[in-house]
Amino acid sequence: MPVGEGVCPRCLEPIPLGAHFCNRCSTPLTFHATTGPYESIFAEGFAYREASSNPRKPIILIGMWLLWGPSFAVSLLMFGISVAACFEQGSLPWILVPLFGSGVCVWFTGALLFKTTKNYVRIREEAEKESAETEDFEEPRSSAWED
């Protein structure tokens, strides 16, 4: 590795000097990556992607539900009101805009919450399965007094 290069702390990819993000996994690497106006968008996106695809702790799952749950509930309410207005007044063009917009929001937030919850449950089940397997294969320790 040439002098001046670093290594990504997440994926161990070599990082060129002056890079603010990892080219392989998009991990923010510098202070500028999280404070620059344009770069902070990428840093926040990385945080949301990591939280939804790899939630290892319950606080991450709770945080995602607290962050996106109210948006999901309001979007679902707006979608229901828009559908009711469509059936009540007929297919008016001005009703289709909130119907489409709230439908997209319901789909996005619902998919994000479902993915986060599903991945959290999967990770927990894998961890429990792994700990059960390691308990089964542990050999009893013999003490020096038994010999």
C-alpha atoms as a PDB file:
ATOM      1  CA  MET A   1       0.000   0.000   0.000  1.00  0.00           C
ATOM      2  CA  PRO A   2       1.529   3.350  -1.012  1.00  0.00           C
ATOM      3  CA  VAL A   3       2.227   5.998   1.609  1.00  0.00           C
ATOM      4  CA  GLY A   4      -0.741   8.309   2.196  1.00  0.00           C
ATOM      5  CA  GLU A   5      -3.425   5.689   1.653  1.00  0.00           C
ATOM      6  CA  GLY A   6      -5.667   4.428   4.382  1.00  0.00           C
ATOM      7  CA  VAL A   7      -8.018   1.507   4.818  1.00  0.00           C
ATOM      8  CA  CYS A   8     -11.803   1.633   5.119  1.00  0.00           C
ATOM      9  CA  PRO A   9     -12.774   0.649   8.671  1.00  0.00           C
ATOM     10  CA  ARG A  10     -15.833  -1.247   7.419  1.00  0.00           C
ATOM     11  CA  CYS A  11     -14.716  -3.225   4.351  1.00  0.00           C
ATOM     12  CA  LEU A  12     -10.898  -2.886   4.563  1.00  0.00           C
ATOM     13  CA  GLU A  13     -10.695  -1.489   1.025  1.00  0.00           C
ATOM     14  CA  PRO A  14      -7.618   0.715   0.362  1.00  0.00           C
ATOM     15  CA  ILE A  15      -8.614   4.388   0.384  1.00  0.00           C
ATOM     16  CA  PRO A  16      -6.743   7.011  -1.674  1.00  0.00           C
ATOM     17  CA  LEU A  17      -5.498  10.110   0.073  1.00  0.00           C
ATOM     18  CA  GLY A  18      -8.168  12.800   0.387  1.00  0.00           C
ATOM     19  CA  ALA A  19     -11.185  10.536  -0.169  1.00  0.00           C
ATOM     20  CA  HIS A  20     -14.219  11.396   1.941  1.00  0.00           C
ATOM     21  CA  PHE A  21     -16.134   8.159   1.243  1.00  0.00           C
ATOM     22  CA  CYS A  22     -15.123   4.561   0.603  1.00  0.00           C
ATOM     23  CA  ASN A  23     -15.437   3.707  -3.086  1.00  0.00           C
ATOM     24  CA  ARG A  24     -16.640   0.188  -2.299  1.00  0.00           C
ATOM     25  CA  CYS A  25     -19.157   0.507   0.576  1.00  0.00           C
ATOM     26  CA  SER A  26     -19.792   4.303   0.740  1.00  0.00           C
ATOM     27  CA  THR A  27     -18.785   4.593   4.403  1.00  0.00           C
ATOM     28  CA  PRO A  28     -18.142   8.228   5.410  1.00  0.00           C
ATOM     29  CA  LEU A  29     -14.434   8.517   6.274  1.00  0.00           C
ATOM     30  CA  THR A  30     -13.777  12.147   7.192  1.00  0.00           C
ATOM     31  CA  PHE A  31     -15.339  14.960   9.151  1.00  0.00           C
ATOM     32  CA  HIS A  32     -16.096  16.742   5.878  1.00  0.00           C
ATOM     33  CA  ALA A  33     -18.151  13.746   4.707  1.00  0.00           C
ATOM     34  CA  THR A  34     -20.720  14.386   7.424  1.00  0.00           C
ATOM     35  CA  THR A  35     -20.667  18.198   7.530  1.00  0.00           C
ATOM     36  CA  GLY A  36     -20.476  19.234   3.872  1.00  0.00           C
ATOM     37  CA  PRO A  37     -23.980  20.065   2.542  1.00  0.00           C
ATOM     38  CA  TYR A  38     -23.853  17.701  -0.423  1.00  0.00           C
ATOM     39  CA  GLU A  39     -21.801  15.046   1.336  1.00  0.00           C
ATOM     40  CA  SER A  40     -24.094  14.935   4.372  1.00  0.00           C
ATOM     41  CA  ILE A  41     -26.870  13.636   2.119  1.00  0.00           C
ATOM     42  CA  PHE A  42     -24.698  10.635   1.242  1.00  0.00           C
ATOM     43  CA  ALA A  43     -23.693  10.145   4.883  1.00  0.00           C
ATOM     44  CA  GLU A  44     -27.341  10.132   6.004  1.00  0.00           C
ATOM     45  CA  GLY A  45     -28.217   7.728   3.199  1.00  0.00           C
ATOM     46  CA  PHE A  46     -25.442   5.423   4.367  1.00  0.00           C
ATOM     47  CA  ALA A  47     -26.789   5.566   7.927  1.00  0.00           C
ATOM     48  CA  TYR A  48     -30.343   4.712   6.813  1.00  0.00           C
ATOM     49  CA  ARG A  49     -29.137   1.906   4.536  1.00  0.00           C
ATOM     50  CA  GLU A  50     -27.013   0.427   7.306  1.00  0.00           C
ATOM     51  CA  ALA A  51     -29.822   0.735   9.858  1.00  0.00           C
ATOM     52  CA  SER A  52     -32.400  -0.921   7.621  1.00  0.00           C
ATOM     53  CA  SER A  53     -30.207  -3.707   6.246  1.00  0.00           C
ATOM     54  CA  ASN A  54     -28.199  -4.580   9.357  1.00  0.00           C
ATOM     55  CA  PRO A  55     -30.090  -3.656  12.565  1.00  0.00           C
ATOM     56  CA  ARG A  56     -28.206  -5.608  15.248  1.00  0.00           C
ATOM     57  CA  LYS A  57     -29.565  -3.850  18.342  1.00  0.00           C
ATOM     58  CA  PRO A  58     -33.169  -3.242  19.412  1.00  0.00           C
ATOM     59  CA  ILE A  59     -32.531   0.498  19.750  1.00  0.00           C
ATOM     60  CA  ILE A  60     -31.906   0.712  15.999  1.00  0.00           C
ATOM     61  CA  LEU A  61     -35.231  -0.980  15.266  1.00  0.00           C
ATOM     62  CA  ILE A  62     -37.030   1.268  17.763  1.00  0.00           C
ATOM     63  CA  GLY A  63     -35.341   4.347  16.309  1.00  0.00           C
ATOM     64  CA  MET A  64     -36.371   3.454  12.765  1.00  0.00           C
ATOM     65  CA  TRP A  65     -39.972   2.938  13.898  1.00  0.00           C
ATOM     66  CA  LEU A  66     -39.935   6.246  15.790  1.00  0.00           C
ATOM     67  CA  LEU A  67     -38.443   8.018  12.784  1.00  0.00           C
ATOM     68  CA  TRP A  68     -40.579   6.517  10.014  1.00  0.00           C
ATOM     69  CA  GLY A  69     -43.664   5.212  11.884  1.00  0.00           C
ATOM     70  CA  PRO A  70     -45.459   8.580  12.171  1.00  0.00           C
ATOM     71  CA  SER A  71     -44.820   9.271   8.485  1.00  0.00           C
ATOM     72  CA  PHE A  72     -46.264   5.854   7.626  1.00  0.00           C
ATOM     73  CA  ALA A  73     -49.347   6.466   9.786  1.00  0.00           C
ATOM     74  CA  VAL A  74     -50.039   9.943   8.351  1.00  0.00           C
ATOM     75  CA  SER A  75     -49.504   8.714   4.789  1.00  0.00           C
ATOM     76  CA  LEU A  76     -51.848   5.808   5.376  1.00  0.00           C
ATOM     77  CA  LEU A  77     -54.468   8.177   6.792  1.00  0.00           C
ATOM     78  CA  MET A  78     -54.083  10.523   3.797  1.00  0.00           C
ATOM     79  CA  PHE A  79     -54.348   7.582   1.416  1.00  0.00           C
ATOM     80  CA  GLY A  80     -57.565   6.435   3.097  1.00  0.00           C
ATOM     81  CA  ILE A  81     -59.057   9.939   2.963  1.00  0.00           C
ATOM     82  CA  SER A  82     -58.113  10.249  -0.728  1.00  0.00           C
ATOM     83  CA  VAL A  83     -59.690   6.896  -1.573  1.00  0.00           C
ATOM     84  CA  ALA A  84     -62.855   7.845   0.305  1.00  0.00           C
ATOM     85  CA  ALA A  85     -62.991  11.183  -1.557  1.00  0.00           C
ATOM     86  CA  CYS A  86     -62.574   9.385  -4.894  1.00  0.00           C
ATOM     87  CA  PHE A  87     -65.520   7.092  -4.161  1.00  0.00           C
ATOM     88  CA  GLU A  88     -67.635   9.896  -2.758  1.00  0.00           C
ATOM     89  CA  GLN A  89     -67.147  12.526  -5.465  1.00  0.00           C
ATOM     90  CA  GLY A  90     -66.105  10.445  -8.429  1.00  0.00           C
ATOM     91  CA  SER A  91     -62.749  10.485 -10.158  1.00  0.00           C
ATOM     92  CA  LEU A  92     -61.794  14.144  -9.961  1.00  0.00           C
ATOM     93  CA  PRO A  93     -58.299  15.020 -11.205  1.00  0.00           C
ATOM     94  CA  TRP A  94     -57.394  17.031  -8.081  1.00  0.00           C
ATOM     95  CA  ILE A  95     -58.063  13.987  -5.874  1.00  0.00           C
ATOM     96  CA  LEU A  96     -55.703  11.767  -7.881  1.00  0.00           C
ATOM     97  CA  VAL A  97     -52.623  13.828  -6.931  1.00  0.00           C
ATOM     98  CA  PRO A  98     -52.904  13.286  -3.147  1.00  0.00           C
ATOM     99  CA  LEU A  99     -54.010   9.708  -3.791  1.00  0.00           C
ATOM    100  CA  PHE A 100     -50.859   8.992  -5.795  1.00  0.00           C
ATOM    101  CA  GLY A 101     -48.563  10.972  -3.460  1.00  0.00           C
ATOM    102  CA  SER A 102     -49.851   9.342  -0.291  1.00  0.00           C
ATOM    103  CA  GLY A 103     -49.759   5.927  -1.966  1.00  0.00           C
ATOM    104  CA  VAL A 104     -46.064   6.378  -2.796  1.00  0.00           C
ATOM    105  CA  CYS A 105     -45.337   7.508   0.781  1.00  0.00           C
ATOM    106  CA  VAL A 106     -47.221   4.518   2.228  1.00  0.00           C
ATOM    107  CA  TRP A 107     -45.322   2.156  -0.046  1.00  0.00           C
ATOM    108  CA  PHE A 108     -41.897   3.690   0.719  1.00  0.00           C
ATOM    109  CA  THR A 109     -42.250   3.966   4.490  1.00  0.00           C
ATOM    110  CA  GLY A 110     -44.021   0.613   4.782  1.00  0.00           C
ATOM    111  CA  ALA A 111     -41.324  -1.137   2.765  1.00  0.00           C
ATOM    112  CA  LEU A 112     -38.567   0.499   4.821  1.00  0.00           C
ATOM    113  CA  LEU A 113     -40.158  -0.481   8.144  1.00  0.00           C
ATOM    114  CA  PHE A 114     -40.902  -3.999   6.917  1.00  0.00           C
ATOM    115  CA  LYS A 115     -37.323  -4.476   5.678  1.00  0.00           C
ATOM    116  CA  THR A 116     -35.828  -3.177   8.929  1.00  0.00           C
ATOM    117  CA  THR A 117     -38.060  -5.367  11.103  1.00  0.00           C
ATOM    118  CA  LYS A 118     -37.533  -8.442   8.927  1.00  0.00           C
ATOM    119  CA  ASN A 119     -33.743  -8.022   8.979  1.00  0.00           C
ATOM    120  CA  TYR A 120     -33.717  -7.477  12.751  1.00  0.00           C
ATOM    121  CA  VAL A 121     -35.704 -10.689  13.320  1.00  0.00           C
ATOM    122  CA  ARG A 122     -33.468 -12.607  10.892  1.00  0.00           C
ATOM    123  CA  ILE A 123     -30.278 -11.400  12.588  1.00  0.00           C
ATOM    124  CA  ARG A 124     -31.650 -12.278  16.042  1.00  0.00           C
ATOM    125  CA  GLU A 125     -32.655 -15.777  14.901  1.00  0.00           C
ATOM    126  CA  GLU A 126     -29.213 -16.359  13.353  1.00  0.00           C
ATOM    127  CA  ALA A 127     -27.495 -15.185  16.551  1.00  0.00           C
ATOM    128  CA  GLU A 128     -29.656 -17.459  18.719  1.00  0.00           C
ATOM    129  CA  LYS A 129     -29.056 -20.390  16.392  1.00  0.00           C
ATOM    130  CA  GLU A 130     -25.300 -19.765  16.432  1.00  0.00           C
ATOM    131  CA  SER A 131     -25.191 -19.495  20.229  1.00  0.00           C
ATOM    132  CA  ALA A 132     -27.184 -22.733  20.562  1.00  0.00           C
ATOM    133  CA  GLU A 133     -24.754 -24.512  18.223  1.00  0.00           C
ATOM    134  CA  THR A 134     -21.721 -23.320  20.155  1.00  0.00           C
ATOM    135  CA  GLU A 135     -23.291 -24.474  23.442  1.00  0.00           C
ATOM    136  CA  ASP A 136     -23.864 -27.954  21.984  1.00  0.00           C
ATOM    137  CA  PHE A 137     -20.241 -28.339  20.886  1.00  0.00           C
ATOM    138  CA  GLU A 138     -18.494 -27.112  24.020  1.00  0.00           C
ATOM    139  CA  GLU A 139     -16.472 -29.822  25.673  1.00  0.00           C
ATOM    140  CA  PRO A 140     -16.591 -30.119  29.435  1.00  0.00           C
ATOM    141  CA  ARG A 141     -13.481 -28.822  31.104  1.00  0.00           C
ATOM    142  CA  SER A 142     -11.538 -31.223  33.211  1.00  0.00           C
ATOM    143  CA  SER A 143      -9.985 -29.948  36.365  1.00  0.00           C
ATOM    144  CA  ALA A 144      -6.549 -30.774  37.628  1.00  0.00           C
ATOM    145  CA  TRP A 145      -8.081 -32.289  40.771  1.00  0.00           C
ATOM    146  CA  GLU A 146      -9.854 -35.089  38.845  1.00  0.00           C
ATOM    147  CA  ASP A 147      -6.644 -36.672  37.504  1.00  0.00           C
END
